[in-house]
N, C-alpha and C. Protein backbone atom coordinates (compact mmCIF):
# COMPACT_ATOMS: atom_id res chain seq x y z
N MET A 1 -22.38 70.14 -41.66
CA MET A 1 -22.28 68.77 -41.19
C MET A 1 -21.39 67.97 -42.14
N ALA A 2 -21.98 67.08 -42.94
CA ALA A 2 -21.16 66.21 -43.80
C ALA A 2 -21.63 66.30 -45.25
N HIS A 3 -20.75 65.86 -46.14
CA HIS A 3 -21.07 65.78 -47.56
C HIS A 3 -21.41 64.32 -47.87
N VAL A 4 -22.62 64.08 -48.39
CA VAL A 4 -23.10 62.72 -48.66
C VAL A 4 -23.37 62.57 -50.15
N LEU A 5 -22.96 61.43 -50.70
CA LEU A 5 -23.22 61.07 -52.08
C LEU A 5 -24.25 59.94 -52.11
N VAL A 6 -25.33 60.12 -52.86
CA VAL A 6 -26.35 59.09 -53.02
C VAL A 6 -26.25 58.56 -54.44
N VAL A 7 -25.99 57.25 -54.59
CA VAL A 7 -25.84 56.63 -55.91
C VAL A 7 -26.93 55.57 -56.05
N ASP A 8 -27.91 55.86 -56.91
CA ASP A 8 -29.05 54.95 -57.09
C ASP A 8 -29.70 55.25 -58.43
N ASP A 9 -30.10 54.21 -59.15
CA ASP A 9 -30.74 54.42 -60.45
C ASP A 9 -32.22 54.79 -60.34
N ASP A 10 -32.77 54.76 -59.15
CA ASP A 10 -34.17 55.14 -58.93
C ASP A 10 -34.22 56.62 -58.56
N PRO A 11 -34.74 57.48 -59.47
CA PRO A 11 -34.77 58.91 -59.17
C PRO A 11 -35.60 59.27 -57.94
N LEU A 12 -36.66 58.51 -57.68
CA LEU A 12 -37.48 58.79 -56.49
C LEU A 12 -36.68 58.51 -55.22
N PHE A 13 -35.95 57.40 -55.19
CA PHE A 13 -35.13 57.10 -54.02
C PHE A 13 -34.08 58.19 -53.81
N ARG A 14 -33.42 58.61 -54.90
CA ARG A 14 -32.41 59.67 -54.78
C ARG A 14 -33.03 60.94 -54.20
N GLU A 15 -34.20 61.31 -54.70
CA GLU A 15 -34.87 62.53 -54.25
C GLU A 15 -35.25 62.44 -52.77
N VAL A 16 -35.85 61.32 -52.38
CA VAL A 16 -36.27 61.16 -50.98
C VAL A 16 -35.05 61.10 -50.05
N ALA A 17 -34.04 60.33 -50.42
CA ALA A 17 -32.83 60.24 -49.59
C ALA A 17 -32.16 61.60 -49.46
N ALA A 18 -32.09 62.33 -50.56
CA ALA A 18 -31.48 63.66 -50.52
C ALA A 18 -32.24 64.58 -49.58
N GLU A 19 -33.57 64.53 -49.63
CA GLU A 19 -34.38 65.38 -48.75
C GLU A 19 -34.16 65.03 -47.28
N ILE A 20 -34.11 63.74 -46.97
CA ILE A 20 -33.86 63.30 -45.58
C ILE A 20 -32.51 63.82 -45.11
N LEU A 21 -31.51 63.69 -45.95
CA LEU A 21 -30.15 64.09 -45.59
C LEU A 21 -30.01 65.60 -45.49
N LEU A 22 -30.66 66.32 -46.41
CA LEU A 22 -30.64 67.78 -46.35
C LEU A 22 -31.30 68.28 -45.07
N GLN A 23 -32.43 67.67 -44.70
CA GLN A 23 -33.11 68.07 -43.46
C GLN A 23 -32.25 67.80 -42.23
N ALA A 24 -31.36 66.82 -42.34
CA ALA A 24 -30.45 66.52 -41.23
C ALA A 24 -29.22 67.44 -41.24
N GLY A 25 -29.16 68.35 -42.21
CA GLY A 25 -28.09 69.33 -42.25
C GLY A 25 -26.90 69.00 -43.13
N HIS A 26 -26.98 67.92 -43.89
CA HIS A 26 -25.87 67.50 -44.76
C HIS A 26 -25.99 68.15 -46.14
N THR A 27 -24.87 68.24 -46.84
CA THR A 27 -24.90 68.58 -48.25
C THR A 27 -24.96 67.27 -49.03
N VAL A 28 -25.61 67.29 -50.19
CA VAL A 28 -25.84 66.05 -50.92
C VAL A 28 -25.50 66.21 -52.39
N ASP A 29 -24.76 65.25 -52.92
CA ASP A 29 -24.59 65.05 -54.36
C ASP A 29 -25.28 63.75 -54.68
N HIS A 30 -25.68 63.57 -55.93
CA HIS A 30 -26.28 62.29 -56.30
C HIS A 30 -25.86 61.90 -57.70
N ALA A 31 -25.93 60.59 -57.93
CA ALA A 31 -25.58 60.02 -59.23
C ALA A 31 -26.56 58.89 -59.52
N GLY A 32 -26.90 58.72 -60.79
CA GLY A 32 -27.86 57.71 -61.21
C GLY A 32 -27.29 56.32 -61.37
N ASN A 33 -25.97 56.20 -61.35
CA ASN A 33 -25.31 54.89 -61.42
C ASN A 33 -23.83 55.06 -61.08
N GLY A 34 -23.12 53.95 -61.09
CA GLY A 34 -21.71 53.99 -60.72
C GLY A 34 -20.85 54.79 -61.68
N LEU A 35 -21.22 54.80 -62.95
CA LEU A 35 -20.46 55.59 -63.92
C LEU A 35 -20.59 57.08 -63.62
N ASP A 36 -21.81 57.52 -63.32
CA ASP A 36 -22.03 58.92 -62.95
C ASP A 36 -21.29 59.25 -61.65
N ALA A 37 -21.23 58.31 -60.73
CA ALA A 37 -20.55 58.54 -59.45
C ALA A 37 -19.06 58.80 -59.67
N GLN A 38 -18.47 58.17 -60.68
CA GLN A 38 -17.06 58.37 -60.96
C GLN A 38 -16.76 59.81 -61.38
N ARG A 39 -17.79 60.51 -61.87
CA ARG A 39 -17.60 61.89 -62.34
C ARG A 39 -17.69 62.91 -61.20
N ILE A 40 -18.12 62.47 -60.02
CA ILE A 40 -18.22 63.38 -58.87
C ILE A 40 -16.80 63.73 -58.43
N GLU A 41 -16.52 65.02 -58.34
CA GLU A 41 -15.17 65.45 -57.97
C GLU A 41 -15.01 65.70 -56.49
N ALA A 42 -16.05 66.19 -55.84
CA ALA A 42 -15.95 66.52 -54.41
C ALA A 42 -15.97 65.24 -53.58
N ARG A 43 -15.00 65.11 -52.70
CA ARG A 43 -14.91 63.92 -51.84
C ARG A 43 -16.07 63.90 -50.85
N PRO A 44 -16.86 62.82 -50.86
CA PRO A 44 -17.93 62.71 -49.86
C PRO A 44 -17.37 62.16 -48.55
N ASP A 45 -18.06 62.48 -47.47
CA ASP A 45 -17.73 61.86 -46.19
C ASP A 45 -18.39 60.49 -46.09
N LEU A 46 -19.52 60.34 -46.81
CA LEU A 46 -20.30 59.11 -46.75
C LEU A 46 -21.02 58.96 -48.08
N ALA A 47 -21.18 57.71 -48.53
CA ALA A 47 -21.94 57.43 -49.75
C ALA A 47 -22.98 56.36 -49.46
N VAL A 48 -24.16 56.55 -50.03
CA VAL A 48 -25.25 55.58 -49.99
C VAL A 48 -25.30 54.98 -51.39
N VAL A 49 -25.09 53.67 -51.51
CA VAL A 49 -24.93 53.04 -52.82
C VAL A 49 -25.92 51.90 -53.00
N ASP A 50 -26.73 51.98 -54.06
CA ASP A 50 -27.64 50.90 -54.42
C ASP A 50 -26.83 49.75 -55.01
N MET A 51 -27.24 48.54 -54.74
CA MET A 51 -26.49 47.38 -55.22
C MET A 51 -26.78 47.00 -56.67
N LEU A 52 -28.00 47.22 -57.13
CA LEU A 52 -28.36 46.82 -58.48
C LEU A 52 -28.64 48.05 -59.34
N MET A 53 -27.69 48.37 -60.22
CA MET A 53 -27.81 49.52 -61.11
C MET A 53 -27.24 49.16 -62.47
N PRO A 54 -27.76 49.78 -63.52
CA PRO A 54 -27.17 49.55 -64.84
C PRO A 54 -25.83 50.29 -64.97
N GLY A 55 -25.03 49.86 -65.90
CA GLY A 55 -23.75 50.53 -66.14
C GLY A 55 -22.66 50.01 -65.24
N ARG A 56 -22.72 50.39 -63.99
CA ARG A 56 -21.75 49.94 -62.99
C ARG A 56 -22.54 49.67 -61.73
N ASP A 57 -22.54 48.41 -61.30
CA ASP A 57 -23.37 48.03 -60.16
C ASP A 57 -22.76 48.49 -58.83
N GLY A 58 -23.45 48.16 -57.75
CA GLY A 58 -23.03 48.59 -56.43
C GLY A 58 -21.69 48.04 -55.99
N ILE A 59 -21.42 46.79 -56.31
CA ILE A 59 -20.14 46.19 -55.92
C ILE A 59 -18.99 46.95 -56.60
N GLU A 60 -19.12 47.20 -57.90
CA GLU A 60 -18.08 47.93 -58.62
C GLU A 60 -17.96 49.36 -58.07
N THR A 61 -19.09 49.97 -57.78
CA THR A 61 -19.10 51.35 -57.28
C THR A 61 -18.46 51.43 -55.90
N ILE A 62 -18.75 50.48 -55.03
CA ILE A 62 -18.11 50.45 -53.71
C ILE A 62 -16.59 50.33 -53.89
N GLY A 63 -16.16 49.45 -54.78
CA GLY A 63 -14.72 49.31 -55.05
C GLY A 63 -14.11 50.59 -55.57
N ASP A 64 -14.81 51.26 -56.49
CA ASP A 64 -14.33 52.53 -57.04
C ASP A 64 -14.19 53.59 -55.95
N LEU A 65 -15.23 53.70 -55.12
CA LEU A 65 -15.21 54.72 -54.06
C LEU A 65 -14.11 54.44 -53.04
N ARG A 66 -13.94 53.16 -52.66
CA ARG A 66 -12.89 52.78 -51.71
C ARG A 66 -11.49 53.08 -52.27
N ALA A 67 -11.31 52.82 -53.57
CA ALA A 67 -10.01 53.07 -54.19
C ALA A 67 -9.71 54.57 -54.25
N ARG A 68 -10.72 55.34 -54.53
CA ARG A 68 -10.55 56.79 -54.68
C ARG A 68 -10.44 57.50 -53.33
N TRP A 69 -11.30 57.11 -52.40
CA TRP A 69 -11.36 57.74 -51.07
C TRP A 69 -11.43 56.63 -50.02
N PRO A 70 -10.30 56.08 -49.60
CA PRO A 70 -10.29 54.91 -48.71
C PRO A 70 -11.06 55.07 -47.41
N ASP A 71 -11.18 56.29 -46.91
CA ASP A 71 -11.83 56.48 -45.62
C ASP A 71 -13.30 56.89 -45.72
N VAL A 72 -13.86 56.93 -46.92
CA VAL A 72 -15.28 57.29 -47.06
C VAL A 72 -16.13 56.20 -46.39
N LYS A 73 -17.16 56.61 -45.68
CA LYS A 73 -18.09 55.65 -45.07
C LYS A 73 -19.09 55.23 -46.15
N LEU A 74 -19.45 53.95 -46.18
CA LEU A 74 -20.33 53.43 -47.22
C LEU A 74 -21.53 52.69 -46.64
N ILE A 75 -22.71 53.07 -47.12
CA ILE A 75 -23.94 52.36 -46.79
C ILE A 75 -24.47 51.74 -48.07
N ALA A 76 -24.62 50.43 -48.11
CA ALA A 76 -25.20 49.75 -49.26
C ALA A 76 -26.70 49.59 -49.02
N VAL A 77 -27.49 49.79 -50.08
CA VAL A 77 -28.94 49.62 -50.00
C VAL A 77 -29.40 48.71 -51.13
N SER A 78 -30.46 47.94 -50.87
CA SER A 78 -30.99 47.06 -51.92
C SER A 78 -32.38 46.57 -51.56
N ALA A 79 -33.17 46.40 -52.61
CA ALA A 79 -34.47 45.75 -52.47
C ALA A 79 -34.42 44.34 -53.05
N GLY A 80 -33.29 43.97 -53.62
CA GLY A 80 -33.18 42.69 -54.29
C GLY A 80 -33.88 42.74 -55.64
N ARG A 81 -33.86 41.62 -56.33
CA ARG A 81 -34.51 41.54 -57.63
C ARG A 81 -34.44 40.10 -58.11
N ARG A 82 -35.50 39.61 -58.70
CA ARG A 82 -35.59 38.29 -59.32
C ARG A 82 -34.52 37.29 -58.89
N GLY A 83 -34.76 36.62 -57.82
CA GLY A 83 -33.85 35.57 -57.38
C GLY A 83 -32.66 36.07 -56.57
N LEU A 84 -32.49 37.37 -56.47
CA LEU A 84 -31.40 37.92 -55.67
C LEU A 84 -32.02 38.60 -54.46
N SER A 85 -31.87 37.98 -53.32
CA SER A 85 -32.47 38.54 -52.11
C SER A 85 -31.67 39.76 -51.65
N PRO A 86 -32.34 40.71 -51.00
CA PRO A 86 -31.59 41.84 -50.46
C PRO A 86 -30.51 41.39 -49.48
N GLY A 87 -30.82 40.36 -48.69
CA GLY A 87 -29.85 39.88 -47.70
C GLY A 87 -28.55 39.42 -48.34
N LEU A 88 -28.65 38.65 -49.41
CA LEU A 88 -27.45 38.17 -50.11
C LEU A 88 -26.66 39.34 -50.68
N LEU A 89 -27.34 40.26 -51.32
CA LEU A 89 -26.67 41.42 -51.92
C LEU A 89 -25.99 42.28 -50.85
N LEU A 90 -26.67 42.48 -49.75
CA LEU A 90 -26.13 43.33 -48.70
C LEU A 90 -24.97 42.66 -47.96
N ARG A 91 -25.04 41.35 -47.78
CA ARG A 91 -23.89 40.63 -47.18
C ARG A 91 -22.67 40.73 -48.10
N THR A 92 -22.90 40.63 -49.40
CA THR A 92 -21.82 40.76 -50.37
C THR A 92 -21.22 42.17 -50.30
N ALA A 93 -22.07 43.17 -50.14
CA ALA A 93 -21.59 44.55 -50.04
C ALA A 93 -20.67 44.73 -48.84
N VAL A 94 -21.03 44.14 -47.71
CA VAL A 94 -20.19 44.24 -46.51
C VAL A 94 -18.86 43.54 -46.77
N ALA A 95 -18.89 42.38 -47.42
CA ALA A 95 -17.66 41.67 -47.74
C ALA A 95 -16.75 42.48 -48.67
N MET A 96 -17.36 43.35 -49.48
CA MET A 96 -16.60 44.17 -50.42
C MET A 96 -16.21 45.53 -49.85
N GLY A 97 -16.61 45.82 -48.61
CA GLY A 97 -16.14 47.04 -47.98
C GLY A 97 -17.18 48.01 -47.49
N ALA A 98 -18.47 47.70 -47.64
CA ALA A 98 -19.50 48.59 -47.10
C ALA A 98 -19.43 48.58 -45.58
N ASP A 99 -19.66 49.73 -44.98
CA ASP A 99 -19.64 49.84 -43.52
C ASP A 99 -20.96 49.42 -42.89
N ALA A 100 -22.05 49.57 -43.65
CA ALA A 100 -23.38 49.26 -43.13
C ALA A 100 -24.32 49.03 -44.30
N THR A 101 -25.50 48.49 -43.98
CA THR A 101 -26.48 48.20 -45.03
C THR A 101 -27.88 48.58 -44.55
N LEU A 102 -28.75 48.83 -45.53
CA LEU A 102 -30.17 49.04 -45.28
C LEU A 102 -30.95 48.36 -46.40
N ALA A 103 -31.96 47.60 -46.02
CA ALA A 103 -32.84 47.00 -47.03
C ALA A 103 -33.90 48.02 -47.42
N LYS A 104 -34.22 48.05 -48.71
CA LYS A 104 -35.30 48.91 -49.19
C LYS A 104 -36.62 48.20 -48.97
N PRO A 105 -37.70 48.89 -48.70
CA PRO A 105 -37.77 50.35 -48.62
C PRO A 105 -37.09 50.85 -47.34
N VAL A 106 -36.32 51.91 -47.50
CA VAL A 106 -35.57 52.48 -46.39
C VAL A 106 -36.47 53.44 -45.62
N GLN A 107 -36.52 53.25 -44.33
CA GLN A 107 -37.28 54.16 -43.47
C GLN A 107 -36.45 55.42 -43.22
N PRO A 108 -37.07 56.60 -43.32
CA PRO A 108 -36.31 57.86 -43.16
C PRO A 108 -35.48 57.92 -41.88
N GLU A 109 -36.09 57.52 -40.76
CA GLU A 109 -35.35 57.59 -39.50
C GLU A 109 -34.19 56.61 -39.47
N ALA A 110 -34.32 55.47 -40.13
CA ALA A 110 -33.23 54.49 -40.18
C ALA A 110 -32.05 55.05 -40.95
N LEU A 111 -32.32 55.71 -42.07
CA LEU A 111 -31.24 56.32 -42.86
C LEU A 111 -30.58 57.43 -42.06
N ARG A 112 -31.38 58.32 -41.51
CA ARG A 112 -30.85 59.45 -40.73
C ARG A 112 -30.00 58.95 -39.56
N ASP A 113 -30.50 57.96 -38.81
CA ASP A 113 -29.78 57.44 -37.65
C ASP A 113 -28.48 56.75 -38.05
N LEU A 114 -28.52 55.94 -39.12
CA LEU A 114 -27.33 55.22 -39.54
C LEU A 114 -26.25 56.19 -40.04
N VAL A 115 -26.65 57.19 -40.78
CA VAL A 115 -25.68 58.19 -41.24
C VAL A 115 -25.05 58.88 -40.02
N GLY A 116 -25.86 59.24 -39.05
CA GLY A 116 -25.34 59.86 -37.83
C GLY A 116 -24.37 58.96 -37.10
N GLN A 117 -24.68 57.67 -36.99
CA GLN A 117 -23.79 56.73 -36.32
C GLN A 117 -22.45 56.61 -37.03
N LEU A 118 -22.51 56.49 -38.36
CA LEU A 118 -21.27 56.30 -39.12
C LEU A 118 -20.38 57.54 -39.12
N LEU A 119 -21.02 58.69 -39.09
CA LEU A 119 -20.24 59.93 -39.12
C LEU A 119 -19.78 60.36 -37.73
N GLY A 120 -20.34 59.69 -36.71
CA GLY A 120 -19.93 59.92 -35.33
C GLY A 120 -20.30 61.28 -34.83
C-alpha cells in the first residue's frame, strides 16, 4: 500500500498509530520529533505530524517535509495545550500546508479513513 511517517513526541500515540496503519496494510516509519523526522531517508507517501513537540514543532516539521517532498500528503494532529486550543493549532497547520487534520484523541477508524481518502 503506502509508506507512512508518524511524527509525534508521545510514544504511545506513535505505537497506536503505527499499529492502526500496519493493520491497514501500510509500512510505517516513526520519529519522536521534527529533528528525528529530518533523519528519515525513505520518502513517505503520507505523514502524520503532531503540532506540539520539543526540538522542532509541527509547523516547522510540515515546512521541512513540504520542502523535501512537495507532494507528500500531510495530516496534522493535536490535543492542544495550556491556552492553545487544538482548533487554532490545526487551522494554522492547514494554513502552513497540511492536507487534513485530526484532533486528539484520534479515533482509529478516523485515522484509517482519512489516510485512505488522502491516498486515494
